[in-house]
C-alpha cells in the first residue's frame, strides 16, 4: 500500500535497476527514469504508473512529491506512459 497526504492506494511495488525500463519497453510521460547514480547513492526514488497518479494525486503534479510505500518514503521522479 502507498500513501500520499492521507490518501492510500493498494498497488504492487517492484524494486529494479534502471535497465528494466528499456527491457520492458516502458516509456516515461513525465519526469524521468531513475538512473545508476540513484541506485549507487541508495536514493529512495520511484517511477509510478498513471493509475497510482490518479488514485493518490488527483490534479496534483506528482513529480518531486514523496509517497510512502510499505513504510518507506519514496520521492517520485517519473510517471510511466499509460498502457
N, C-alpha and C. Protein backbone atom coordinates (compact mmCIF):
# COMPACT_ATOMS: atom_id res chain seq x y z
N UNK A 1 0.84 -1.18 0.00
CA UNK A 1 0.00 0.00 0.00
C UNK A 1 0.89 1.25 0.00
N UNK A 2 0.49 2.24 -0.77
CA UNK A 2 1.20 3.52 -0.82
C UNK A 2 0.25 4.63 -0.40
N UNK A 3 0.82 5.66 0.23
CA UNK A 3 0.00 6.78 0.68
C UNK A 3 0.65 8.10 0.26
N UNK A 4 -0.23 9.11 0.12
CA UNK A 4 0.20 10.48 -0.12
C UNK A 4 -0.82 11.38 0.56
N UNK A 5 -0.34 12.15 1.53
CA UNK A 5 -1.18 13.10 2.26
C UNK A 5 -2.52 12.51 2.70
N UNK A 6 -2.46 11.33 3.31
CA UNK A 6 -3.65 10.70 3.88
C UNK A 6 -4.46 9.85 2.93
N UNK A 7 -4.14 9.89 1.63
CA UNK A 7 -4.83 9.05 0.66
C UNK A 7 -4.01 7.78 0.46
N UNK A 8 -4.68 6.63 0.49
CA UNK A 8 -4.00 5.35 0.36
C UNK A 8 -4.46 4.61 -0.88
N UNK A 9 -3.54 3.84 -1.49
CA UNK A 9 -3.87 3.03 -2.66
C UNK A 9 -3.05 1.76 -2.61
N UNK A 10 -3.73 0.61 -2.72
CA UNK A 10 -3.03 -0.68 -2.74
C UNK A 10 -2.50 -0.94 -4.14
N UNK A 11 -1.20 -1.10 -4.24
CA UNK A 11 -0.56 -1.34 -5.53
C UNK A 11 0.65 -2.23 -5.32
N UNK A 12 1.13 -2.84 -6.38
CA UNK A 12 2.35 -3.64 -6.28
C UNK A 12 3.56 -2.73 -6.45
N UNK A 13 4.65 -3.11 -5.82
CA UNK A 13 5.89 -2.34 -5.86
C UNK A 13 6.99 -3.27 -6.33
N UNK A 14 7.79 -2.81 -7.29
CA UNK A 14 8.89 -3.61 -7.79
C UNK A 14 10.18 -2.84 -7.64
N UNK A 15 11.12 -3.40 -6.90
CA UNK A 15 12.46 -2.82 -6.82
C UNK A 15 13.23 -3.31 -8.03
N UNK A 16 13.88 -2.40 -8.76
CA UNK A 16 14.53 -2.80 -10.00
C UNK A 16 15.72 -1.92 -10.32
N UNK A 17 16.37 -2.22 -11.41
CA UNK A 17 17.51 -1.47 -11.91
C UNK A 17 17.06 -0.57 -13.07
N UNK A 18 17.82 0.47 -13.38
CA UNK A 18 17.45 1.35 -14.48
C UNK A 18 17.27 0.62 -15.82
N UNK A 19 17.98 -0.47 -16.04
CA UNK A 19 17.88 -1.21 -17.31
C UNK A 19 16.49 -1.83 -17.50
N UNK A 20 15.72 -1.94 -16.44
CA UNK A 20 14.36 -2.50 -16.52
C UNK A 20 13.49 -1.72 -17.51
N UNK A 21 13.62 -0.41 -17.51
CA UNK A 21 12.73 0.42 -18.33
C UNK A 21 12.91 0.14 -19.82
N UNK A 22 14.13 0.01 -20.27
CA UNK A 22 14.37 -0.33 -21.67
C UNK A 22 13.95 -1.75 -21.99
N UNK A 23 14.24 -2.68 -21.10
CA UNK A 23 13.90 -4.09 -21.32
C UNK A 23 12.39 -4.31 -21.36
N UNK A 24 11.66 -3.53 -20.59
CA UNK A 24 10.20 -3.71 -20.53
C UNK A 24 9.47 -2.77 -21.49
N UNK A 25 10.25 -1.97 -22.25
CA UNK A 25 9.66 -1.02 -23.19
C UNK A 25 8.70 -0.06 -22.49
N UNK A 26 9.09 0.39 -21.30
CA UNK A 26 8.27 1.31 -20.51
C UNK A 26 8.76 2.74 -20.72
N UNK A 27 7.90 3.57 -21.28
CA UNK A 27 8.26 4.96 -21.54
C UNK A 27 7.74 5.86 -20.43
N UNK A 28 8.49 6.92 -20.14
CA UNK A 28 8.09 7.90 -19.13
C UNK A 28 7.40 9.06 -19.83
N UNK A 29 6.23 9.45 -19.31
CA UNK A 29 5.50 10.58 -19.90
C UNK A 29 5.77 11.89 -19.17
N UNK A 30 6.18 11.80 -17.90
CA UNK A 30 6.52 12.99 -17.10
C UNK A 30 7.74 12.67 -16.27
N UNK A 31 8.57 13.68 -16.04
CA UNK A 31 9.76 13.47 -15.21
C UNK A 31 10.78 12.62 -15.94
N UNK A 32 11.41 11.70 -15.21
CA UNK A 32 12.46 10.87 -15.80
C UNK A 32 12.51 9.52 -15.10
N UNK A 33 13.31 8.64 -15.68
CA UNK A 33 13.60 7.37 -15.03
C UNK A 33 14.58 7.65 -13.90
N UNK A 34 14.72 6.71 -12.97
CA UNK A 34 15.85 6.82 -12.05
C UNK A 34 17.05 6.23 -12.77
N UNK A 35 18.25 6.56 -12.29
CA UNK A 35 19.45 6.13 -13.01
C UNK A 35 20.43 5.43 -12.08
N UNK A 36 21.58 5.04 -12.64
CA UNK A 36 22.58 4.31 -11.86
C UNK A 36 23.07 5.12 -10.67
N UNK A 37 23.15 6.44 -10.80
CA UNK A 37 23.56 7.28 -9.67
C UNK A 37 22.56 7.19 -8.53
N UNK A 38 21.26 7.11 -8.86
CA UNK A 38 20.25 6.94 -7.83
C UNK A 38 20.44 5.61 -7.10
N UNK A 39 20.77 4.56 -7.86
CA UNK A 39 20.96 3.24 -7.27
C UNK A 39 22.21 3.22 -6.39
N UNK A 40 23.35 3.67 -6.93
CA UNK A 40 24.59 3.62 -6.16
C UNK A 40 24.54 4.57 -4.96
N UNK A 41 23.73 5.64 -5.06
CA UNK A 41 23.57 6.58 -3.96
C UNK A 41 22.49 6.17 -2.98
N UNK A 42 21.89 4.99 -3.21
CA UNK A 42 20.82 4.47 -2.34
C UNK A 42 19.68 5.48 -2.17
N UNK A 43 19.40 6.22 -3.24
CA UNK A 43 18.29 7.19 -3.18
C UNK A 43 16.97 6.43 -3.26
N UNK A 44 16.06 6.82 -2.45
CA UNK A 44 14.74 6.18 -2.43
C UNK A 44 13.81 6.95 -3.34
N UNK A 45 13.81 6.52 -4.61
CA UNK A 45 13.02 7.20 -5.63
C UNK A 45 12.11 6.19 -6.33
N UNK A 46 11.08 6.71 -7.00
CA UNK A 46 10.12 5.85 -7.66
C UNK A 46 9.64 6.45 -8.97
N UNK A 47 9.37 5.57 -9.91
CA UNK A 47 8.65 5.89 -11.13
C UNK A 47 7.31 5.19 -10.99
N UNK A 48 6.22 5.94 -11.10
CA UNK A 48 4.90 5.37 -10.83
C UNK A 48 4.03 5.37 -12.08
N UNK A 49 3.00 4.54 -12.05
CA UNK A 49 2.08 4.45 -13.16
C UNK A 49 0.97 5.47 -13.07
N UNK A 50 0.25 5.63 -14.17
CA UNK A 50 -0.82 6.63 -14.23
C UNK A 50 -1.97 6.33 -13.27
N UNK A 51 -2.25 5.05 -13.02
CA UNK A 51 -3.33 4.72 -12.08
C UNK A 51 -2.96 5.19 -10.67
N UNK A 52 -1.70 5.00 -10.28
CA UNK A 52 -1.26 5.46 -8.97
C UNK A 52 -1.37 6.98 -8.89
N UNK A 53 -1.01 7.67 -9.97
CA UNK A 53 -1.15 9.13 -10.01
C UNK A 53 -2.60 9.52 -9.80
N UNK A 54 -3.50 8.89 -10.54
CA UNK A 54 -4.92 9.22 -10.43
C UNK A 54 -5.46 8.95 -9.03
N UNK A 55 -5.09 7.81 -8.45
CA UNK A 55 -5.61 7.42 -7.14
C UNK A 55 -5.03 8.23 -5.99
N UNK A 56 -3.75 8.58 -6.06
CA UNK A 56 -3.09 9.27 -4.94
C UNK A 56 -3.04 10.78 -5.10
N UNK A 57 -2.88 11.27 -6.33
CA UNK A 57 -2.58 12.69 -6.52
C UNK A 57 -3.72 13.51 -7.10
N UNK A 58 -4.64 12.89 -7.81
CA UNK A 58 -5.69 13.67 -8.45
C UNK A 58 -5.07 14.69 -9.39
N UNK A 59 -5.32 15.97 -9.17
CA UNK A 59 -4.80 17.03 -10.03
C UNK A 59 -3.42 17.53 -9.61
N UNK A 60 -2.88 17.03 -8.49
CA UNK A 60 -1.57 17.46 -8.01
C UNK A 60 -0.46 16.83 -8.85
N UNK A 61 0.53 17.63 -9.25
CA UNK A 61 1.68 17.12 -10.01
C UNK A 61 2.50 16.22 -9.08
N UNK A 62 2.69 14.94 -9.43
CA UNK A 62 3.39 14.02 -8.54
C UNK A 62 4.91 14.17 -8.54
N UNK A 63 5.48 14.78 -9.58
CA UNK A 63 6.93 14.88 -9.69
C UNK A 63 7.48 15.74 -8.54
N UNK A 64 8.42 15.15 -7.81
CA UNK A 64 9.02 15.85 -6.68
C UNK A 64 8.29 15.62 -5.37
N UNK A 65 7.12 15.00 -5.42
CA UNK A 65 6.37 14.70 -4.20
C UNK A 65 6.93 13.42 -3.56
N UNK A 66 6.59 13.19 -2.31
CA UNK A 66 7.02 11.98 -1.61
C UNK A 66 5.81 11.14 -1.28
N UNK A 67 5.87 9.85 -1.68
CA UNK A 67 4.85 8.88 -1.30
C UNK A 67 5.47 7.94 -0.28
N UNK A 68 4.64 7.30 0.52
CA UNK A 68 5.13 6.31 1.47
C UNK A 68 4.55 4.97 1.06
N UNK A 69 5.43 4.01 0.78
CA UNK A 69 5.01 2.68 0.36
C UNK A 69 5.56 1.66 1.35
N UNK A 70 4.64 0.94 1.98
CA UNK A 70 5.01 -0.05 2.99
C UNK A 70 5.97 0.54 4.02
N UNK A 71 5.72 1.78 4.42
CA UNK A 71 6.51 2.43 5.46
C UNK A 71 7.76 3.13 4.97
N UNK A 72 8.08 3.04 3.68
CA UNK A 72 9.29 3.64 3.14
C UNK A 72 8.94 4.87 2.31
N UNK A 73 9.51 6.04 2.64
CA UNK A 73 9.26 7.23 1.83
C UNK A 73 10.04 7.14 0.52
N UNK A 74 9.36 7.46 -0.58
CA UNK A 74 9.97 7.43 -1.91
C UNK A 74 9.66 8.73 -2.64
N UNK A 75 10.68 9.37 -3.18
CA UNK A 75 10.48 10.57 -3.98
C UNK A 75 10.07 10.19 -5.39
N UNK A 76 9.02 10.77 -5.90
CA UNK A 76 8.54 10.46 -7.24
C UNK A 76 9.37 11.25 -8.26
N UNK A 77 10.06 10.52 -9.15
CA UNK A 77 10.88 11.17 -10.17
C UNK A 77 10.28 11.05 -11.56
N UNK A 78 9.34 10.10 -11.76
CA UNK A 78 8.76 9.94 -13.07
C UNK A 78 7.42 9.25 -13.05
N UNK A 79 6.69 9.42 -14.15
CA UNK A 79 5.38 8.78 -14.34
C UNK A 79 5.45 8.03 -15.67
N UNK A 80 5.09 6.76 -15.66
CA UNK A 80 5.07 5.94 -16.87
C UNK A 80 3.93 6.34 -17.78
N UNK A 81 4.13 6.18 -19.09
CA UNK A 81 3.04 6.40 -20.04
C UNK A 81 1.94 5.38 -19.76
N UNK A 82 0.72 5.76 -20.00
CA UNK A 82 -0.42 4.87 -19.84
C UNK A 82 -0.33 3.76 -20.88
N UNK A 83 -0.64 2.53 -20.45
CA UNK A 83 -0.57 1.39 -21.39
C UNK A 83 -1.92 1.09 -21.96
